[in-house]
Amino acid sequence: MKQATTKAVPDSIEATLELLAGADYLADRSLATVLFLALKMGRPIFFEGEAGVGKTEIGKVLASTLGRRLIRLQCYEGLDVAAAVYEWNYAAQMISIRIAEAGGEGDRERLTHDVFSERFLIKRALLQALEPDAAGPPVLLIDELDRSDEAFEAYLLEVLADYQITIPELGTIKAAKPPIVVITSNRTREIHDALKRRCLYHWVGYPSAARELEIVRTKVPGISNMLSVQIVDFVQALRKQNLFKSPGVAETLDWAQALAELDAVALDPATVSDTLGVLLKYQDDIARLEGGKVKELLDQVQAELRAAE
């Protein structure tokens, strides 16, 4: 995403809406309100919701529209301090020690001090986020925190409390200005209340049909009005089915793009069946729609559209 000129944080909810819309992120007022408050109060913001509803995109859009550096920490099971915070460049340290010994350096205390200096420190996402930046505090996107272990979540709790990290060999590093912190979770497990209390919270749900239609027309320019309406209404109906994973907005956009590439002008059972793999990601869900279920949903969508005319 292209970096914008550095801007001050928005001074109103309306300005926040405009900021997001400037990057084609169409947010509702409740999301803009909590985002505005988080920016003004200097608090982390915790976005929870189903996968594919646009939580991660908020962090990216903030960095782009405010002209800040984006530092993304993608969480996963087993994520530890070495991968998320810092580690020492052991190979470079060993080379430095051998060179010093070959040169007759005998002061072990001084040697230890030298190899545990900042030039041998590999800074990972959390430590990078505490560094000063001429463009202003960066946006720290901690993505899918629910995928990490509780031990890492506990460590993160300490970091967010004071925006500082202690490195035993160097001391405590504290941010002069705290980063803008965006945390996301797909709720595959519950995040501890202690971390949530340090954040402002917002549930990012599936958009209404009207908003999703607006998103499709913004993100997939050139798509026909009829096709975009049918796509959104079909997806909205699909989310009411008993599926293992309902399609998110990301899948709606992928499907709309795919249908546009196929030069489709309207939905029909054959086209929907052939492209379900773009919209649904589990075979069990696709199997539930085989047979006459796709036609049944399409008939329902078309009947609702006729009734709305």
Protein backbone atom coordinates (compact mmCIF):
# COMPACT_ATOMS: atom_id res chain seq x y z
CA MET A 1 0.00 0.00 0.00
CA LYS A 2 1.38 3.38 -0.99
CA GLN A 3 2.63 5.52 1.88
CA ALA A 4 0.82 8.84 2.30
CA THR A 5 2.15 12.17 3.52
CA THR A 6 2.34 12.29 7.31
CA LYS A 7 -0.91 13.55 8.85
CA ALA A 8 -2.14 14.35 12.33
CA VAL A 9 -4.70 12.01 13.85
CA PRO A 10 -8.29 12.99 13.00
CA ASP A 11 -9.96 15.49 15.35
CA SER A 12 -13.53 14.20 15.05
CA ILE A 13 -15.57 11.10 14.27
CA GLU A 14 -16.52 12.59 10.90
CA ALA A 15 -12.84 13.18 10.11
CA THR A 16 -12.10 9.57 11.05
CA LEU A 17 -14.79 8.35 8.66
CA GLU A 18 -13.30 10.54 5.93
CA LEU A 19 -9.79 9.28 6.71
CA LEU A 20 -10.88 5.65 6.26
CA ALA A 21 -12.97 6.43 3.20
CA GLY A 22 -9.92 8.09 1.64
CA ALA A 23 -8.40 4.62 1.40
CA ASP A 24 -11.71 3.06 0.26
CA TYR A 25 -12.41 1.57 3.69
CA LEU A 26 -16.15 2.07 4.23
CA ALA A 27 -16.66 1.96 7.99
CA ASP A 28 -19.81 2.46 10.02
CA ARG A 29 -20.02 5.21 12.61
CA SER A 30 -19.57 2.92 15.63
CA LEU A 31 -16.21 1.68 14.32
CA ALA A 32 -15.09 5.22 13.47
CA THR A 33 -16.09 6.37 16.96
CA VAL A 34 -14.03 3.78 18.85
CA LEU A 35 -11.10 4.31 16.47
CA PHE A 36 -11.24 8.08 16.98
CA LEU A 37 -11.28 7.60 20.77
CA ALA A 38 -8.38 5.14 20.67
CA LEU A 39 -6.27 7.59 18.67
CA LYS A 40 -7.15 10.53 20.89
CA MET A 41 -6.69 8.66 24.17
CA GLY A 42 -3.52 6.87 23.06
CA ARG A 43 -5.02 3.46 23.81
CA PRO A 44 -4.58 0.19 21.92
CA ILE A 45 -7.66 -0.89 20.01
CA PHE A 46 -8.77 -4.51 20.00
CA PHE A 47 -10.79 -5.67 16.98
CA GLU A 48 -12.54 -9.01 17.26
CA GLY A 49 -14.70 -10.73 14.66
CA GLU A 50 -14.92 -13.44 12.04
CA ALA A 51 -12.09 -13.91 9.58
CA GLY A 52 -12.33 -11.82 6.44
CA VAL A 53 -14.43 -8.93 7.75
CA GLY A 54 -11.70 -6.30 7.41
CA LYS A 55 -10.00 -6.14 10.82
CA THR A 56 -6.42 -6.37 9.54
CA GLU A 57 -7.18 -3.85 6.81
CA ILE A 58 -7.92 -1.19 9.43
CA GLY A 59 -4.31 -1.24 10.63
CA LYS A 60 -3.02 -1.06 7.07
CA VAL A 61 -5.36 1.81 6.21
CA LEU A 62 -4.33 3.76 9.33
CA ALA A 63 -0.65 3.49 8.43
CA SER A 64 -1.31 4.49 4.83
CA THR A 65 -3.63 7.44 5.50
CA LEU A 66 -1.63 8.83 8.45
CA GLY A 67 1.68 8.36 6.64
CA ARG A 68 3.10 6.18 9.41
CA ARG A 69 5.31 3.13 9.24
CA LEU A 70 3.36 -0.13 9.45
CA ILE A 71 4.93 -2.78 11.69
CA ARG A 72 2.99 -6.03 11.47
CA LEU A 73 3.39 -8.92 13.89
CA GLN A 74 1.61 -12.00 12.56
CA CYS A 75 0.85 -14.25 15.51
CA TYR A 76 1.06 -18.04 15.46
CA GLU A 77 1.31 -20.93 17.90
CA GLY A 78 4.77 -20.99 19.47
CA LEU A 79 5.51 -17.30 18.86
CA ASP A 80 8.18 -16.28 21.37
CA VAL A 81 10.35 -13.33 22.41
CA ALA A 82 13.08 -14.18 19.86
CA ALA A 83 10.59 -13.92 16.98
CA ALA A 84 8.45 -11.06 18.29
CA VAL A 85 10.77 -8.83 20.34
CA TYR A 86 14.52 -9.35 19.83
CA GLU A 87 17.36 -11.81 19.63
CA TRP A 88 21.14 -11.62 19.56
CA ASN A 89 23.10 -12.18 16.37
CA TYR A 90 25.07 -15.09 17.81
CA ALA A 91 27.06 -15.77 14.62
CA ALA A 92 28.29 -12.16 14.46
CA GLN A 93 29.07 -12.24 18.19
CA MET A 94 31.20 -15.35 17.83
CA ILE A 95 33.12 -13.85 14.91
CA SER A 96 33.73 -10.69 16.94
CA ILE A 97 34.99 -12.71 19.91
CA ARG A 98 37.39 -14.73 17.76
CA ILE A 99 38.75 -11.60 16.08
CA ALA A 100 39.28 -9.97 19.47
CA GLU A 101 41.02 -13.04 20.87
CA ALA A 102 43.23 -13.30 17.78
CA GLY A 103 44.19 -9.66 18.30
CA GLY A 104 45.26 -10.33 21.87
CA GLU A 105 42.23 -8.85 23.59
CA GLY A 106 42.24 -10.37 27.08
CA ASP A 107 39.75 -8.23 28.97
CA ARG A 108 36.82 -10.65 29.19
CA GLU A 109 34.50 -8.11 30.87
CA ARG A 110 35.08 -5.56 28.14
CA LEU A 111 34.68 -8.24 25.47
CA THR A 112 31.35 -9.32 26.96
CA HIS A 113 30.18 -5.71 27.03
CA ASP A 114 31.16 -5.21 23.40
CA VAL A 115 29.38 -8.27 22.00
CA PHE A 116 26.18 -7.47 23.91
CA SER A 117 25.94 -3.99 22.44
CA GLU A 118 23.14 -2.74 20.23
CA ARG A 119 25.02 -3.43 16.98
CA PHE A 120 24.58 -7.17 17.60
CA LEU A 121 20.89 -6.82 18.49
CA ILE A 122 18.32 -8.07 15.97
CA LYS A 123 15.18 -6.02 16.56
CA ARG A 124 11.85 -7.69 15.90
CA ALA A 125 8.41 -6.11 15.54
CA LEU A 126 7.66 -5.14 19.16
CA LEU A 127 11.07 -3.56 19.73
CA GLN A 128 10.96 -1.77 16.38
CA ALA A 129 7.60 -0.26 17.34
CA LEU A 130 9.18 1.50 20.34
CA GLU A 131 11.82 3.27 18.25
CA PRO A 132 11.38 6.97 17.40
CA ASP A 133 10.36 7.78 13.85
CA ALA A 134 10.50 11.11 12.05
CA ALA A 135 7.04 10.44 10.57
CA GLY A 136 5.54 9.92 14.02
CA PRO A 137 4.79 6.83 16.09
CA PRO A 138 4.31 3.80 13.84
CA VAL A 139 1.21 1.64 13.56
CA LEU A 140 1.86 -1.66 15.33
CA LEU A 141 -0.52 -4.28 13.93
CA ILE A 142 -0.62 -7.37 16.15
CA ASP A 143 -2.59 -9.68 13.89
CA GLU A 144 -4.59 -12.72 15.00
CA LEU A 145 -3.47 -12.66 18.63
CA ASP A 146 -5.76 -15.63 19.32
CA ARG A 147 -3.36 -17.85 17.36
CA SER A 148 -0.54 -17.22 19.85
CA ASP A 149 -0.01 -18.97 23.18
CA GLU A 150 -1.19 -17.55 26.48
CA ALA A 151 2.44 -17.12 27.57
CA PHE A 152 3.05 -14.65 24.74
CA GLU A 153 -0.22 -12.89 25.52
CA ALA A 154 1.01 -12.43 29.11
CA TYR A 155 4.30 -10.97 27.85
CA LEU A 156 2.42 -8.61 25.56
CA LEU A 157 0.40 -7.44 28.54
CA GLU A 158 3.59 -6.15 30.17
CA VAL A 159 4.72 -4.42 26.97
CA LEU A 160 1.40 -2.60 26.52
CA ALA A 161 1.31 -1.51 30.16
CA ASP A 162 4.28 0.89 29.88
CA TYR A 163 5.40 0.62 26.25
CA GLN A 164 8.79 -0.57 27.36
CA ILE A 165 10.91 -3.69 26.97
CA THR A 166 13.69 -4.83 29.25
CA ILE A 167 16.73 -6.48 27.68
CA PRO A 168 18.90 -7.90 30.52
CA GLU A 169 22.20 -7.11 28.78
CA LEU A 170 21.23 -3.55 27.77
CA GLY A 171 18.57 -2.36 30.21
CA THR A 172 15.08 -0.98 29.63
CA ILE A 173 14.04 0.52 26.30
CA LYS A 174 10.99 2.77 26.52
CA ALA A 175 9.07 4.45 23.70
CA ALA A 176 9.31 8.26 23.73
CA LYS A 177 5.87 8.24 22.06
CA PRO A 178 3.74 5.08 22.16
CA PRO A 179 2.91 3.47 18.82
CA ILE A 180 -0.64 3.26 17.49
CA VAL A 181 -1.54 -0.31 18.44
CA VAL A 182 -4.14 -2.34 16.55
CA ILE A 183 -4.80 -5.87 17.81
CA THR A 184 -7.01 -8.35 15.96
CA SER A 185 -8.52 -11.66 16.92
CA ASN A 186 -10.68 -14.18 15.03
CA ARG A 187 -11.87 -15.52 18.40
CA THR A 188 -10.54 -19.05 17.95
CA ARG A 189 -9.87 -18.74 21.69
CA GLU A 190 -10.76 -16.17 24.31
CA ILE A 191 -8.25 -13.41 24.98
CA HIS A 192 -7.67 -12.73 28.68
CA ASP A 193 -9.67 -9.90 30.26
CA ALA A 194 -6.47 -8.28 31.57
CA LEU A 195 -5.33 -7.51 28.03
CA LYS A 196 -8.77 -6.39 26.87
CA ARG A 197 -8.95 -3.94 29.78
CA ARG A 198 -5.93 -2.10 28.39
CA CYS A 199 -7.66 -1.65 25.03
CA LEU A 200 -10.73 -0.08 23.54
CA TYR A 201 -12.83 -2.89 22.09
CA HIS A 202 -14.89 -3.22 18.93
CA TRP A 203 -16.61 -6.21 17.39
CA VAL A 204 -16.30 -6.13 13.60
CA GLY A 205 -19.28 -8.02 12.23
CA TYR A 206 -20.50 -8.81 8.76
CA PRO A 207 -21.74 -5.65 7.03
CA SER A 208 -25.35 -5.01 6.11
CA ALA A 209 -26.35 -5.73 2.53
CA ALA A 210 -26.37 -2.03 1.67
CA ARG A 211 -22.85 -1.48 3.04
CA GLU A 212 -21.48 -4.64 1.47
CA LEU A 213 -22.91 -3.57 -1.90
CA GLU A 214 -21.17 -0.22 -1.51
CA ILE A 215 -17.90 -2.02 -0.69
CA VAL A 216 -18.18 -4.29 -3.74
CA ARG A 217 -18.86 -1.38 -6.08
CA THR A 218 -15.94 0.57 -4.61
CA LYS A 219 -13.42 -2.28 -4.66
CA VAL A 220 -14.50 -3.89 -7.96
CA PRO A 221 -15.05 -0.93 -10.29
CA GLY A 222 -16.81 -1.67 -13.54
CA ILE A 223 -18.94 -4.51 -12.18
CA SER A 224 -22.54 -4.28 -13.39
CA ASN A 225 -25.22 -3.08 -11.00
CA MET A 226 -27.34 -6.21 -11.46
CA LEU A 227 -24.45 -8.60 -10.84
CA SER A 228 -23.19 -6.72 -7.77
CA VAL A 229 -26.67 -6.76 -6.19
CA GLN A 230 -27.09 -10.48 -6.90
CA ILE A 231 -23.62 -11.26 -5.51
CA VAL A 232 -24.25 -9.43 -2.25
CA ASP A 233 -27.76 -10.83 -1.77
CA PHE A 234 -26.53 -14.37 -2.46
CA VAL A 235 -23.66 -14.02 0.02
CA GLN A 236 -25.99 -12.54 2.63
CA ALA A 237 -28.33 -15.53 2.16
CA LEU A 238 -25.39 -17.91 2.32
CA ARG A 239 -24.37 -16.56 5.74
CA LYS A 240 -27.74 -17.68 7.11
CA GLN A 241 -26.97 -21.30 6.18
CA ASN A 242 -25.42 -23.78 8.58
CA LEU A 243 -21.87 -23.52 7.25
CA PHE A 244 -18.57 -24.34 8.94
CA LYS A 245 -17.13 -21.01 7.72
CA SER A 246 -19.36 -18.33 6.28
CA PRO A 247 -17.79 -16.14 3.60
CA GLY A 248 -16.37 -12.83 4.80
CA VAL A 249 -16.18 -9.57 2.92
CA ALA A 250 -12.79 -10.62 1.55
CA GLU A 251 -14.40 -13.67 -0.08
CA THR A 252 -17.27 -11.55 -1.43
CA LEU A 253 -14.73 -9.27 -3.12
CA ASP A 254 -12.74 -12.23 -4.48
CA TRP A 255 -15.93 -13.75 -5.90
CA ALA A 256 -17.05 -10.46 -7.44
CA GLN A 257 -13.64 -10.06 -9.06
CA ALA A 258 -13.71 -13.64 -10.33
CA LEU A 259 -17.17 -13.25 -11.85
CA ALA A 260 -16.11 -9.97 -13.46
CA GLU A 261 -13.10 -11.77 -15.00
CA LEU A 262 -15.52 -14.38 -16.40
CA ASP A 263 -17.61 -11.56 -17.94
CA ALA A 264 -20.67 -12.75 -16.02
CA VAL A 265 -23.66 -10.42 -16.24
CA ALA A 266 -25.94 -12.28 -13.82
CA LEU A 267 -25.83 -15.27 -11.50
CA ASP A 268 -27.03 -18.66 -12.67
CA PRO A 269 -26.77 -22.09 -10.97
CA ALA A 270 -23.97 -23.34 -13.22
CA THR A 271 -21.77 -20.26 -12.76
CA VAL A 272 -22.30 -20.26 -8.98
CA SER A 273 -21.50 -23.97 -8.66
CA ASP A 274 -18.37 -23.65 -10.80
CA THR A 275 -17.00 -20.76 -8.71
CA LEU A 276 -17.96 -21.83 -5.18
CA GLY A 277 -14.29 -22.56 -4.44
CA VAL A 278 -13.63 -18.82 -4.59
CA LEU A 279 -16.36 -18.09 -2.06
CA LEU A 280 -16.15 -21.10 0.28
CA LYS A 281 -12.96 -22.67 1.64
CA TYR A 282 -14.20 -25.98 3.07
CA GLN A 283 -15.33 -28.96 1.02
CA ASP A 284 -18.06 -29.81 3.54
CA ASP A 285 -19.59 -26.36 2.99
CA ILE A 286 -19.38 -26.73 -0.79
CA ALA A 287 -20.98 -30.18 -0.55
CA ARG A 288 -23.92 -28.73 1.40
CA LEU A 289 -24.74 -26.54 -1.59
CA GLU A 290 -24.53 -29.29 -4.20
CA GLY A 291 -27.68 -30.52 -5.84
CA GLY A 292 -30.57 -28.13 -5.80
CA LYS A 293 -29.45 -25.92 -2.90
CA VAL A 294 -27.69 -23.36 -5.12
CA LYS A 295 -30.77 -22.99 -7.33
CA GLU A 296 -32.99 -22.72 -4.25
CA LEU A 297 -30.89 -19.86 -2.87
CA LEU A 298 -30.77 -18.13 -6.25
CA ASP A 299 -34.55 -18.39 -6.60
CA GLN A 300 -34.90 -16.90 -3.11
CA VAL A 301 -32.56 -14.00 -3.99
CA GLN A 302 -34.35 -13.27 -7.26
CA ALA A 303 -37.76 -13.39 -5.57
CA GLU A 304 -36.59 -10.88 -2.94
CA LEU A 305 -35.20 -8.61 -5.65
CA ARG A 306 -38.48 -8.71 -7.57
CA ALA A 307 -40.42 -7.95 -4.40
CA ALA A 308 -38.18 -4.95 -3.70
CA GLU A 309 -38.79 -3.40 -7.14
